[in-house]
Amino acid sequence: MAAAPVWSVDPRTGKQREQVAAEATAEEVGLAVTAARDAAPALADRAVRAAFLRTAADLLQEAGDRLVETADAETALGPVRLTGELARTCFQLRAFADIVDEGAFLGVVIDHPDDSATPPIPDLRRYKIPLGVVAVYSASNFPFAFSVPGGDTASALAAGCPVVVKAHPDHPGTSERVASVLREAAARHGIPEGVVGLVHGFDAGVELVKHPLVAGAGFTGSIRGGRALFDAAAARPVPIPFHGELGSLNPVVVTEAAAAERGEEIGSGLAGSMTLGVGQFCVKPGLVLAPEGAGGDRLVKSLTETVGDTDAGVLLDHRMRDNFVAGVRERAALADVDAPVTPGAGGEHTVSAGFFTVPAARLATGGEHDLLIEECFGPVTVVARYKDAAEITAVLSRLPGNLTATVQLSSDEAAGVSPRGTELLAEVTPLAGRVLVDGWPTGVAVAPAQHHGGPYPATTSTSTSVGGTAIERWLRPVAYQNTPEPLLPPELRDDNPLGLPRRVDGTLEH
């Protein structure tokens, strides 16, 4: 039986653009994984790795116009957004090249023998080595930053791990073109092209996570799909780490004092954040706790005006559009739910932004209103109006894990004059991996201190998929005991021939 074709589809029309590939068979997945494994030795030299990452960034930048054109045709995200996303991706590749050059990620620790310790300490030398082949599952909503050249791929390659990427069906043409650029970058440094494999198809994705040569996996997508792959990774004869980003509500708490001080500003800011990218950001604020009373009313009025002026937009595919329309319809039917701006179908191929209001007490008691504390992908949010701090606590206590949590405070609360800011931060910190004050969660900076992760179901591990420490997911520590100097890896020798940052006998050396 012939392999199923993989089509590039225009979400603005729902029509097929071109056939770009065929779904990979189990045998083809195996060949891609084996080729990646065989390419691993070429990544052993850190200088080569860093140069490869920088060349990849350069070549992606050079091909930018062509890549953005293809990505826009497949996602309808628009040239401005996609150009920025590609620039972010190139920055991220170069940032990981810098991390590779520095070498601190290897975590070199050397303890010389100490017979006076209890018990005595032998000669111990520890550092981190790459896991092996990493499976990467692309996201729908970021065809560059969380897909073939994205954070999982960049961090894995930086760690010395080749990758096999399962392309997302919403942008297969973009995936093929980007993979070609990465392979060209590899070839320029003598690295086999198999260092970046690419496969298409649902079954191929399942085969990939089960392959015995795959040593780890990174995923960005839905709770249902991510949990299935997570379970498959754990059920293998040899389980592997699965770092999945699955879903997030990203709650926002607006204090009564903040609403009184700047309700209009908060309302317009919320509108911009929840509709950004047609509401398709993984950190879109999906639940907002706002007070009853005049300040909260001004917030809702401002939100109504701004969202009401937002144009209809195209989602990444028609399946997502159908799910969004069905999801908002189901939420609108719940008791005590109002829609100051009704979200839904904006046309045959578009959706219109909107939001719901509901008494916070409805979310504190469970039942059918639990639907309102589930993520709805697209341009919609829920504003829950609370009476007092006890209702805030009751709602927060029922939320699942999140990527982000935001508090909007008054000037006195932010300055510590009022204890309310400190109290709220203590309440939301257990819920999320990134806590924001007086800002909006959309936009995840690529920075050393960044953390993009959170308690389940936001992610399946405690790691981050953005920022320098994302490299740690693809490494494992090894300690050598009483090993003669000539047999040690160069990274662990006393003379430090590679000039690595390290800790020796408890003292940090640079």
Protein backbone atom coordinates (compact mmCIF):
# COMPACT_ATOMS: atom_id res chain seq x y z
CA MET A 1 0.00 0.00 0.00
CA ALA A 2 1.36 3.43 -0.98
CA ALA A 3 2.28 5.83 1.80
CA ALA A 4 -0.28 8.57 2.44
CA PRO A 5 0.63 11.91 0.85
CA VAL A 6 1.43 14.91 3.03
CA TRP A 7 -0.20 18.08 1.72
CA SER A 8 0.48 21.69 2.48
CA VAL A 9 -2.90 23.37 3.11
CA ASP A 10 -3.83 27.06 2.99
CA PRO A 11 -5.83 27.79 6.18
CA ARG A 12 -7.26 30.94 4.60
CA THR A 13 -9.15 28.81 2.05
CA GLY A 14 -8.91 25.25 3.33
CA LYS A 15 -7.49 24.19 -0.05
CA GLN A 16 -4.46 21.99 -0.68
CA ARG A 17 -1.42 23.91 -1.93
CA GLU A 18 1.07 21.19 -2.82
CA GLN A 19 2.13 17.71 -1.84
CA VAL A 20 5.43 18.10 0.00
CA ALA A 21 6.14 14.60 1.29
CA ALA A 22 4.66 11.23 2.19
CA GLU A 23 3.98 9.85 5.66
CA ALA A 24 6.96 7.89 6.91
CA THR A 25 6.72 4.14 7.37
CA ALA A 26 8.13 2.40 10.43
CA GLU A 27 11.13 1.38 8.34
CA GLU A 28 11.73 4.97 7.24
CA VAL A 29 11.53 6.16 10.84
CA GLY A 30 14.13 3.55 11.73
CA LEU A 31 16.42 4.71 8.93
CA ALA A 32 16.14 8.34 10.11
CA VAL A 33 16.93 7.39 13.71
CA THR A 34 19.87 5.22 12.67
CA ALA A 35 21.27 8.01 10.49
CA ALA A 36 20.97 10.39 13.44
CA ARG A 37 22.76 7.95 15.73
CA ASP A 38 25.55 7.57 13.16
CA ALA A 39 25.94 11.36 12.96
CA ALA A 40 26.44 11.77 16.71
CA PRO A 41 30.26 11.40 16.71
CA ALA A 42 30.53 14.43 14.43
CA LEU A 43 28.99 16.56 17.21
CA ALA A 44 31.59 15.54 19.79
CA ASP A 45 33.83 18.55 19.17
CA ARG A 46 32.28 21.55 20.93
CA ALA A 47 33.88 24.02 18.54
CA VAL A 48 32.28 22.23 15.59
CA ARG A 49 28.92 22.19 17.33
CA ALA A 50 29.01 25.91 18.06
CA ALA A 51 30.06 26.72 14.50
CA PHE A 52 27.26 24.51 13.13
CA LEU A 53 24.65 26.35 15.24
CA ARG A 54 25.90 29.75 14.10
CA THR A 55 25.95 28.69 10.45
CA ALA A 56 22.42 27.35 10.82
CA ALA A 57 21.31 30.75 12.11
CA ASP A 58 23.08 32.54 9.27
CA LEU A 59 21.56 30.32 6.59
CA LEU A 60 18.07 30.57 8.05
CA GLN A 61 18.42 34.33 8.04
CA GLU A 62 19.61 34.31 4.42
CA ALA A 63 16.62 32.16 3.41
CA GLY A 64 14.25 34.23 5.53
CA ASP A 65 12.04 35.71 2.80
CA ARG A 66 11.44 32.32 1.20
CA LEU A 67 10.82 30.59 4.53
CA VAL A 68 8.45 33.29 5.78
CA GLU A 69 6.49 33.18 2.52
CA THR A 70 6.01 29.42 2.84
CA ALA A 71 5.15 29.59 6.54
CA ASP A 72 2.58 32.33 5.99
CA ALA A 73 0.92 30.35 3.20
CA GLU A 74 0.59 27.37 5.56
CA THR A 75 -0.29 29.11 8.85
CA ALA A 76 -1.80 32.55 8.00
CA LEU A 77 0.25 34.00 10.87
CA GLY A 78 1.38 36.92 8.70
CA PRO A 79 4.81 38.06 7.50
CA VAL A 80 5.42 40.48 10.37
CA ARG A 81 4.82 37.90 13.08
CA LEU A 82 6.74 35.19 11.22
CA THR A 83 9.71 37.43 10.45
CA GLY A 84 10.00 38.22 14.14
CA GLU A 85 9.67 34.56 15.05
CA LEU A 86 12.42 33.58 12.63
CA ALA A 87 14.70 36.27 14.07
CA ARG A 88 14.00 34.91 17.55
CA THR A 89 14.88 31.43 16.34
CA CYS A 90 18.19 32.59 14.87
CA PHE A 91 19.00 34.43 18.10
CA GLN A 92 18.27 31.27 20.05
CA LEU A 93 20.62 29.17 17.89
CA ARG A 94 23.41 31.70 18.39
CA ALA A 95 22.72 31.86 22.13
CA PHE A 96 23.17 28.10 22.40
CA ALA A 97 26.39 28.37 20.39
CA ASP A 98 27.68 30.78 23.05
CA ILE A 99 26.68 28.32 25.78
CA VAL A 100 28.54 25.54 24.01
CA ASP A 101 31.65 27.70 23.71
CA GLU A 102 31.57 28.63 27.39
CA GLY A 103 31.27 25.02 28.54
CA ALA A 104 29.71 25.62 31.97
CA PHE A 105 26.75 23.45 30.94
CA LEU A 106 29.04 20.40 31.29
CA GLY A 107 28.97 20.88 35.07
CA VAL A 108 32.58 19.81 35.64
CA VAL A 109 33.27 18.99 39.32
CA ILE A 110 36.55 17.55 40.57
CA ASP A 111 37.16 16.28 44.11
CA HIS A 112 40.71 15.16 44.89
CA PRO A 113 41.23 12.39 47.45
CA ASP A 114 40.71 13.34 51.09
CA ASP A 115 41.44 10.62 53.65
CA SER A 116 40.52 12.92 56.53
CA ALA A 117 36.86 13.05 55.47
CA THR A 118 34.28 10.67 56.95
CA PRO A 119 34.00 8.47 55.02
CA PRO A 120 37.20 9.08 53.05
CA ILE A 121 36.71 10.71 49.64
CA PRO A 122 38.36 9.01 46.66
CA ASP A 123 39.38 10.84 43.50
CA LEU A 124 36.04 11.78 41.89
CA ARG A 125 35.46 13.68 38.65
CA ARG A 126 32.01 14.43 37.31
CA TYR A 127 30.62 15.97 34.14
CA LYS A 128 27.69 15.61 31.77
CA ILE A 129 27.47 13.74 28.48
CA PRO A 130 24.80 13.77 25.73
CA LEU A 131 21.92 11.31 25.99
CA GLY A 132 21.85 10.30 22.32
CA VAL A 133 19.22 10.72 19.62
CA VAL A 134 16.41 13.10 20.61
CA ALA A 135 12.90 12.96 19.13
CA VAL A 136 11.38 16.42 18.63
CA TYR A 137 7.64 16.92 18.11
CA SER A 138 6.87 20.23 16.42
CA ALA A 139 4.24 22.70 17.61
CA SER A 140 1.42 23.96 15.39
CA ASN A 141 1.50 27.60 16.47
CA PHE A 142 5.23 28.35 16.07
CA PRO A 143 6.49 27.02 12.73
CA PHE A 144 10.01 28.23 13.52
CA ALA A 145 10.51 28.82 17.25
CA PHE A 146 8.95 25.56 18.47
CA SER A 147 9.32 23.40 15.40
CA VAL A 148 12.14 22.03 13.23
CA PRO A 149 14.75 24.72 14.15
CA GLY A 150 13.21 25.57 17.53
CA GLY A 151 14.25 25.34 21.14
CA ASP A 152 14.14 21.55 21.45
CA THR A 153 16.27 21.07 18.34
CA ALA A 154 18.69 23.88 19.17
CA SER A 155 19.23 22.75 22.77
CA ALA A 156 19.60 19.08 21.77
CA LEU A 157 22.19 19.86 19.10
CA ALA A 158 24.00 22.11 21.56
CA ALA A 159 24.14 19.22 24.01
CA GLY A 160 25.68 17.04 21.31
CA CYS A 161 22.51 15.09 20.53
CA PRO A 162 21.32 14.56 16.93
CA VAL A 163 17.57 14.96 16.39
CA VAL A 164 14.76 13.41 14.43
CA VAL A 165 11.86 15.83 14.13
CA LYS A 166 8.26 14.81 13.66
CA ALA A 167 6.89 17.62 11.50
CA HIS A 168 3.57 19.22 12.37
CA PRO A 169 0.91 18.66 9.69
CA ASP A 170 -0.02 22.36 9.71
CA HIS A 171 3.30 23.42 8.15
CA PRO A 172 4.95 20.47 6.38
CA GLY A 173 6.36 22.56 3.55
CA THR A 174 8.01 24.94 5.98
CA SER A 175 9.39 21.98 7.90
CA GLU A 176 10.95 20.46 4.78
CA ARG A 177 12.55 23.73 3.72
CA VAL A 178 13.92 24.48 7.19
CA ALA A 179 15.30 20.95 7.58
CA SER A 180 17.09 21.38 4.26
CA VAL A 181 18.73 24.58 5.53
CA LEU A 182 19.87 22.90 8.75
CA ARG A 183 21.34 19.99 6.80
CA GLU A 184 23.24 22.37 4.56
CA ALA A 185 24.66 24.05 7.66
CA ALA A 186 25.72 20.65 9.00
CA ALA A 187 27.39 19.67 5.73
CA ARG A 188 29.49 22.85 5.77
CA HIS A 189 31.12 21.60 8.97
CA GLY A 190 31.58 17.98 7.95
CA ILE A 191 28.56 16.78 9.92
CA PRO A 192 26.40 14.13 8.22
CA GLU A 193 23.01 15.42 7.11
CA GLY A 194 21.34 12.71 9.21
CA VAL A 195 22.08 14.85 12.26
CA VAL A 196 18.67 16.47 11.59
CA GLY A 197 16.11 13.89 10.52
CA LEU A 198 12.52 14.72 9.56
CA VAL A 199 9.48 12.45 9.41
CA HIS A 200 5.80 13.08 8.72
CA GLY A 201 2.63 11.35 9.89
CA PHE A 202 0.82 10.41 13.11
CA ASP A 203 1.98 6.79 13.04
CA ALA A 204 5.53 7.94 12.39
CA GLY A 205 5.38 10.01 15.56
CA VAL A 206 4.36 6.98 17.60
CA GLU A 207 7.06 4.82 16.02
CA LEU A 208 9.62 7.51 16.75
CA VAL A 209 9.08 7.65 20.51
CA LYS A 210 9.19 3.84 20.68
CA HIS A 211 12.40 3.40 18.70
CA PRO A 212 15.10 1.81 20.88
CA LEU A 213 17.80 4.21 19.66
CA VAL A 214 15.82 7.30 20.72
CA ALA A 215 17.10 8.46 24.11
CA GLY A 216 14.81 11.39 24.90
CA ALA A 217 11.91 13.39 23.51
CA GLY A 218 10.65 16.97 23.45
CA PHE A 219 7.02 17.81 22.66
CA THR A 220 4.88 20.93 22.37
CA GLY A 221 1.18 20.41 21.72
CA SER A 222 -2.10 19.24 23.21
CA ILE A 223 -2.70 17.50 26.52
CA ARG A 224 -4.26 14.51 24.77
CA GLY A 225 -1.48 14.00 22.22
CA GLY A 226 1.33 14.78 24.65
CA ARG A 227 0.01 12.47 27.34
CA ALA A 228 -0.27 9.59 24.86
CA LEU A 229 3.36 10.03 23.82
CA PHE A 230 4.47 10.50 27.43
CA ASP A 231 2.81 7.22 28.36
CA ALA A 232 4.44 5.50 25.37
CA ALA A 233 7.86 6.82 26.41
CA ALA A 234 7.35 5.47 29.94
CA ALA A 235 6.03 2.10 28.72
CA ARG A 236 9.09 1.28 26.62
CA PRO A 237 11.29 -1.64 27.74
CA VAL A 238 13.84 1.10 28.43
CA PRO A 239 11.86 4.23 29.41
CA ILE A 240 13.17 7.60 28.26
CA PRO A 241 12.75 11.17 29.51
CA PHE A 242 9.84 12.93 27.83
CA HIS A 243 9.79 16.70 28.15
CA GLY A 244 6.33 17.73 27.04
CA GLU A 245 4.53 21.08 27.04
CA LEU A 246 0.86 20.12 26.99
CA GLY A 247 -1.49 22.96 27.90
CA SER A 248 -1.97 25.99 30.12
CA LEU A 249 -4.74 28.33 31.27
CA ASN A 250 -2.32 31.08 32.43
CA PRO A 251 -4.47 32.67 35.14
CA VAL A 252 -4.42 36.38 35.92
CA VAL A 253 -5.48 37.89 39.25
CA VAL A 254 -6.44 41.58 39.30
CA THR A 255 -6.63 43.02 42.79
CA GLU A 256 -9.45 45.33 43.76
CA ALA A 257 -6.97 48.15 44.30
CA ALA A 258 -5.37 47.60 40.89
CA ALA A 259 -8.74 47.65 39.16
CA ALA A 260 -9.67 50.88 40.95
CA GLU A 261 -6.34 52.47 40.03
CA ARG A 262 -6.08 51.43 36.35
CA GLY A 263 -9.00 49.23 35.32
CA GLU A 264 -9.18 50.65 31.80
CA GLU A 265 -5.47 50.07 31.19
CA ILE A 266 -5.68 46.48 32.44
CA GLY A 267 -8.71 45.80 30.25
CA SER A 268 -7.03 47.02 27.07
CA GLY A 269 -3.80 45.18 27.93
CA LEU A 270 -5.72 41.97 28.47
CA ALA A 271 -7.45 42.39 25.12
CA GLY A 272 -4.13 42.74 23.33
CA SER A 273 -2.66 39.70 25.05
CA MET A 274 -5.60 37.32 24.61
CA THR A 275 -6.06 38.17 20.91
CA LEU A 276 -2.36 38.20 19.99
CA GLY A 277 -1.75 35.78 17.15
CA VAL A 278 -5.53 35.10 17.05
CA GLY A 279 -5.28 33.74 20.59
CA GLN A 280 -2.94 30.93 19.56
CA PHE A 281 -0.10 31.55 22.02
CA CYS A 282 0.52 28.82 24.60
CA VAL A 283 0.75 31.55 27.26
CA LYS A 284 -2.51 33.33 26.33
CA PRO A 285 -4.31 34.47 29.51
CA GLY A 286 -7.35 32.19 29.55
CA LEU A 287 -8.80 33.01 32.97
CA VAL A 288 -8.89 36.41 34.69
CA LEU A 289 -10.06 36.94 38.26
CA ALA A 290 -11.39 40.50 38.42
CA PRO A 291 -13.30 42.16 41.27
CA GLU A 292 -16.92 43.03 41.36
CA GLY A 293 -17.64 46.73 41.70
CA ALA A 294 -16.76 49.88 39.82
CA GLY A 295 -13.09 49.10 39.14
CA GLY A 296 -13.88 45.69 37.72
CA ASP A 297 -16.71 47.19 35.67
CA ARG A 298 -14.29 49.67 34.07
CA LEU A 299 -11.94 46.78 33.27
CA VAL A 300 -14.73 44.83 31.57
CA LYS A 301 -15.91 47.91 29.68
CA SER A 302 -12.41 48.57 28.35
CA LEU A 303 -11.99 44.90 27.43
CA THR A 304 -15.35 44.95 25.64
CA GLU A 305 -14.44 48.00 23.57
CA THR A 306 -10.99 46.74 22.59
CA VAL A 307 -11.97 43.15 21.81
CA GLY A 308 -15.02 44.40 19.95
CA ASP A 309 -12.73 46.33 17.59
CA THR A 310 -10.58 43.27 16.84
CA ASP A 311 -10.86 41.90 13.31
CA ALA A 312 -11.78 38.29 12.66
CA GLY A 313 -8.75 36.07 12.09
CA VAL A 314 -7.69 32.74 10.62
CA LEU A 315 -6.66 29.89 12.91
CA LEU A 316 -3.89 27.49 11.98
CA ASP A 317 -6.24 24.94 10.46
CA HIS A 318 -9.93 24.24 10.05
CA ARG A 319 -9.94 21.50 12.67
CA MET A 320 -8.81 24.06 15.26
CA ARG A 321 -11.42 26.49 13.95
CA ASP A 322 -14.17 23.90 14.36
CA ASN A 323 -12.97 23.03 17.87
CA PHE A 324 -12.90 26.69 18.83
CA VAL A 325 -16.42 27.35 17.55
CA ALA A 326 -17.77 24.26 19.32
CA GLY A 327 -15.85 25.06 22.51
CA VAL A 328 -17.09 28.64 22.87
CA ARG A 329 -20.63 27.57 22.05
CA GLU A 330 -20.54 24.98 24.85
CA ARG A 331 -19.16 27.52 27.32
CA ALA A 332 -21.74 30.14 26.38
CA ALA A 333 -24.54 27.72 27.23
CA LEU A 334 -23.52 27.40 30.89
CA ALA A 335 -25.64 29.02 33.59
CA ASP A 336 -24.64 32.55 34.65
CA VAL A 337 -22.20 32.92 31.77
CA ASP A 338 -22.48 36.14 29.79
CA ALA A 339 -20.64 37.20 26.63
CA PRO A 340 -20.11 40.97 26.40
CA VAL A 341 -18.38 40.18 23.11
CA THR A 342 -19.45 36.86 21.63
CA PRO A 343 -16.62 34.69 20.30
CA GLY A 344 -17.26 32.26 17.47
CA ALA A 345 -17.24 31.86 13.73
CA GLY A 346 -16.29 35.06 11.95
CA GLY A 347 -16.83 33.63 8.49
CA GLU A 348 -16.32 30.44 6.55
CA HIS A 349 -12.60 30.38 7.32
CA THR A 350 -12.24 32.82 10.24
CA VAL A 351 -13.10 33.23 13.91
CA SER A 352 -14.08 36.30 15.90
CA ALA A 353 -12.59 37.17 19.27
CA GLY A 354 -14.67 37.48 22.41
CA PHE A 355 -14.83 36.77 26.12
CA PHE A 356 -17.12 35.46 28.82
CA THR A 357 -17.94 36.72 32.29
CA VAL A 358 -19.06 34.50 35.16
CA PRO A 359 -19.37 34.84 38.93
CA ALA A 360 -16.20 33.44 40.50
CA ALA A 361 -18.34 31.40 42.89
CA ARG A 362 -19.38 29.24 39.95
CA LEU A 363 -15.75 28.19 39.39
CA ALA A 364 -15.13 27.48 43.05
CA THR A 365 -17.74 24.74 43.32
CA GLY A 366 -16.92 22.45 40.40
CA GLY A 367 -19.52 20.74 38.23
CA GLU A 368 -20.21 21.69 34.63
CA HIS A 369 -18.48 25.05 35.08
CA ASP A 370 -15.15 23.21 35.26
CA LEU A 371 -15.20 23.63 31.48
CA LEU A 372 -14.30 27.28 32.05
CA ILE A 373 -11.00 26.32 33.69
CA GLU A 374 -9.94 24.23 30.71
CA GLU A 375 -7.83 25.78 27.95
CA CYS A 376 -9.76 26.86 24.85
CA PHE A 377 -7.31 27.41 21.98
CA GLY A 378 -8.13 30.63 20.18
CA PRO A 379 -9.09 34.27 20.88
CA VAL A 380 -11.24 33.89 23.99
CA THR A 381 -10.81 34.37 27.72
CA VAL A 382 -12.98 34.05 30.83
CA VAL A 383 -13.36 36.89 33.32
CA ALA A 384 -14.49 35.57 36.69
CA ARG A 385 -15.86 38.32 38.95
CA TYR A 386 -15.00 37.74 42.62
CA LYS A 387 -16.49 39.24 45.78
CA ASP A 388 -13.55 38.85 48.15
CA ALA A 389 -10.14 37.29 48.68
CA ALA A 390 -11.70 34.02 49.81
CA GLU A 391 -13.23 33.53 46.36
CA ILE A 392 -9.86 34.14 44.71
CA THR A 393 -8.29 31.48 46.91
CA ALA A 394 -11.14 29.06 46.24
CA VAL A 395 -10.76 29.38 42.46
CA LEU A 396 -6.97 29.23 42.47
CA SER A 397 -7.07 26.07 44.57
CA ARG A 398 -8.96 24.30 41.78
CA LEU A 399 -6.62 25.19 38.91
CA PRO A 400 -4.25 22.72 37.26
CA GLY A 401 -0.57 23.49 36.66
CA ASN A 402 0.28 26.36 34.31
CA LEU A 403 3.13 27.84 32.35
CA THR A 404 2.43 31.29 33.79
CA ALA A 405 0.47 33.10 36.46
CA THR A 406 0.05 36.88 36.53
CA VAL A 407 -0.92 39.35 39.22
CA GLN A 408 -2.02 42.88 38.47
CA LEU A 409 -1.33 45.06 41.50
CA SER A 410 -1.84 48.64 42.60
CA SER A 411 1.20 50.88 43.06
CA ASP A 412 1.08 50.42 46.86
CA GLU A 413 0.77 46.64 46.54
CA ALA A 414 3.66 46.49 44.10
CA ALA A 415 5.80 48.66 46.38
CA GLY A 416 5.14 46.45 49.38
CA VAL A 417 3.23 49.16 51.24
CA SER A 418 0.26 46.79 51.26
CA PRO A 419 0.88 43.10 52.04
CA ARG A 420 -1.60 41.98 49.38
CA GLY A 421 1.03 41.72 46.65
CA THR A 422 3.21 39.38 48.71
CA GLU A 423 0.20 37.29 49.70
CA LEU A 424 -0.93 36.84 46.10
CA LEU A 425 2.52 35.91 44.85
CA ALA A 426 2.64 33.21 47.51
CA GLU A 427 -0.71 31.88 46.28
CA VAL A 428 0.07 31.76 42.56
CA THR A 429 3.70 30.60 42.68
CA PRO A 430 2.79 26.93 43.28
CA LEU A 431 0.63 27.04 40.13
CA ALA A 432 3.15 28.09 37.50
CA GLY A 433 6.71 28.12 36.22
CA ARG A 434 6.77 31.85 35.45
CA VAL A 435 5.11 34.46 37.67
CA LEU A 436 4.48 37.95 36.27
CA VAL A 437 3.65 41.19 38.04
CA ASP A 438 1.84 43.98 36.16
CA GLY A 439 2.52 42.53 32.72
CA TRP A 440 1.12 39.99 30.30
CA PRO A 441 2.41 36.47 29.68
CA THR A 442 2.39 36.48 25.89
CA GLY A 443 6.00 36.71 24.77
CA VAL A 444 8.67 34.36 26.13
CA ALA A 445 12.11 35.97 26.11
CA VAL A 446 15.10 33.83 25.16
CA ALA A 447 17.30 34.56 28.16
CA PRO A 448 19.50 32.66 30.63
CA ALA A 449 17.03 33.16 33.50
CA GLN A 450 13.95 32.16 31.52
CA HIS A 451 11.75 29.27 32.60
CA HIS A 452 9.11 28.00 30.20
CA GLY A 453 7.48 25.11 32.01
CA GLY A 454 5.28 24.42 34.98
CA PRO A 455 3.43 21.82 37.03
CA TYR A 456 1.50 19.17 35.10
CA PRO A 457 -0.30 19.47 32.72
CA ALA A 458 1.65 22.55 31.68
CA THR A 459 4.68 20.29 31.31
CA THR A 460 5.60 16.69 32.09
CA SER A 461 8.91 17.59 33.74
CA THR A 462 10.41 20.35 35.82
CA SER A 463 12.62 21.55 32.95
CA THR A 464 12.34 24.56 30.67
CA SER A 465 12.08 24.48 26.89
CA VAL A 466 13.25 28.11 26.51
CA GLY A 467 16.49 29.65 27.74
CA GLY A 468 19.98 28.33 28.26
CA THR A 469 19.11 25.71 30.86
CA ALA A 470 16.96 23.88 28.28
CA ILE A 471 20.20 22.14 27.29
CA GLU A 472 20.18 20.24 30.59
CA ARG A 473 17.30 18.03 29.39
CA TRP A 474 19.56 16.22 26.94
CA LEU A 475 22.52 15.47 29.22
CA ARG A 476 23.25 12.94 31.91
CA PRO A 477 25.98 13.06 34.57
CA VAL A 478 28.86 10.58 34.78
CA ALA A 479 31.43 10.37 37.59
CA TYR A 480 34.87 8.76 37.22
CA GLN A 481 36.47 7.38 40.37
CA ASN A 482 40.21 6.83 40.86
CA THR A 483 40.74 7.00 37.10
CA PRO A 484 44.32 7.52 35.91
CA GLU A 485 44.86 10.92 34.31
CA PRO A 486 45.71 9.55 30.83
CA LEU A 487 42.37 7.71 30.73
CA LEU A 488 40.23 10.67 31.72
CA PRO A 489 38.23 12.71 29.20
CA PRO A 490 40.01 16.03 28.50
CA GLU A 491 37.20 17.86 30.30
CA LEU A 492 38.17 16.21 33.61
CA ARG A 493 41.96 16.43 33.58
CA ASP A 494 43.81 18.47 36.16
CA ASP A 495 45.53 20.71 33.62
CA ASN A 496 42.11 21.72 32.19
CA PRO A 497 43.30 21.68 28.55
CA LEU A 498 39.91 22.94 27.30
CA GLY A 499 39.78 25.90 29.68
CA LEU A 500 36.38 24.95 31.12
CA PRO A 501 34.67 26.57 34.09
CA ARG A 502 34.67 23.98 36.89
CA ARG A 503 34.51 23.42 40.64
CA VAL A 504 37.66 21.88 42.12
CA ASP A 505 37.70 20.75 45.75
CA GLY A 506 34.75 23.01 46.45
CA THR A 507 36.20 26.12 44.80
CA LEU A 508 34.69 27.55 41.62
CA GLU A 509 37.29 28.16 38.93
CA HIS A 510 36.75 30.17 35.74
